[in-house]
Amino acid sequence: MNQLIKLLEQWLPQKDQFDWVLATIVATDGSTYRKSGAMMLINSMGQYFGLLSGGCLEADIMRQARQCWEHQQNRLIEYDMREEDDLAWQLGLGCGGMVRILLQPILAEQNYLYLTEVYQALCRDAACGYSQVLDENKPNNQLLTQEQLSQQRATQDSSVFLHHLKPPIHLLVFGGGVDARPVVALAATLGWQVTVCDPRIANGRAANFPAAKRVVCEPIEHLQQADWFKSADAALIMTHSIDLDGQALQLLQHSSVQYIGLLGPEHRTARVLERIGFVKDHLVAPLANPVGLRLGGELPESIALSMIAEVHSFLHYSDGQSISAILSQQGQ
C-alpha cells in the first residue's frame, strides 16, 4: 500500500476541484503487469495517478471513466489478452493475461468512498480493511477494522473485494554519513517512510536528507519512548562507530523491527556484539551482516541498492534470486 498513500496525498487537496474515479484491479488471470488490489486515480482534467498496466491500457481506462462521471455509477471492465478479438490486442497489452477493473466515481454524497478515512488510518500507521462491492449499482465502499475484515473474509462473499491495507514500510537508518544519503533516497522512492537517527550534529541534519520523513539528532538511548519508534519495520545500522552501532543494536532489542542490517565485515560486527555483551543468535530480529545482496559495485549508490534490495526481499518474503535463473532451472 506504499503507492496508495502517495496517490491519496495527491488526490485529497483536489478532491472537490475535479471529477474523480477510483480504478481498482479486482481480478487477474495469467501474466499481468499489476495484480489484484492495485489502484489508480483518474480526474476530469485527463490526469491519472498510478498505473494498472505498463501504460498501454490507461488511455482506454480514462475513456471508460468518463461514463462513470456521466451516469454516476460504477463500471466493471475487462481486458483479455488471451482472446485475439479482445480490445486488449488492439491496445497492445502484451502480458498474455486477463485483468478485470472496477471503476467507481468518487462522490461527496458517498463520503468519497471512505478514501479520506483510509488516508487518515494509513497516516496513523494503522492497518485497516477496505471493502468494495463488485456491483455497478452499489458504490457503498467501507472502511473496516481488522476484526470486521476477518469476519468478511470468513464469509467468502464473491460480490465484495476486500483489501488488507497496511501503512508504508518504516525504515530506521542509524547514521547520517554521506553513504546514508542514497539509502534514504532509494527507500523514499519506494514509498517507504524513513527515519534517520544520528546524535552527531554534523551528521544529523535534515538538509542532508530531504526525502526522509524525519531526521533525529538525539542520543540513541533516548529514542525508545518516541511514538514513531514503535512502528518501525526494519533498521539499517551504518554509523561507522563501534559505540554508536552497539547503542543502536541495544535500542532495537526493544522494537518491533523484523530485520536489522549492520554495515561492515563480520570481524567488526563481532567487536560490536562483544562491546554490548550480546550474542548474534539471540537478537530480537535476524541480523544481516555483512548487509546487502551480492550485486557488485563499490560506489555508495551501488551499496545502497544492495542494502535496500535485501530489506525489500526480506519484508516481502522473497529470496532475492534471479527470476530468469529460476525459470531456467524449472525448464530443465
Foldseek 3Di string as FASTA:
>chain_A
DLQLLVQCVVCVVCVPVWWKKKKFWQQKDAFFQDHGGFIKMATPVGDIGGDRHPPLCVVVVNVVLVVCVVVVWKDKDKAALCDCPGVCVVSPRPRRMMIIMIMHIQDVVLVRLCSVVVSVCLVLQHKWKKKAFQDRHDGNIDIGHPVVLVVVVVVVDPRMGMDTDGHAAEEEEEAQDPLCQLLLVVCLVVSHAYEYEALDPVRQDCVSHVSHPYGYNHQLVPCLPDPVQASHAEYEYDHPDLVSSLSNQVSCLSYDYAEYEYDDAPVSVVSSCVVNVHDQVPGPHHYDPPAFDPPDDDDSNVRSVRRVLVVVCVVVVHDSDDPVVVVVVVVD
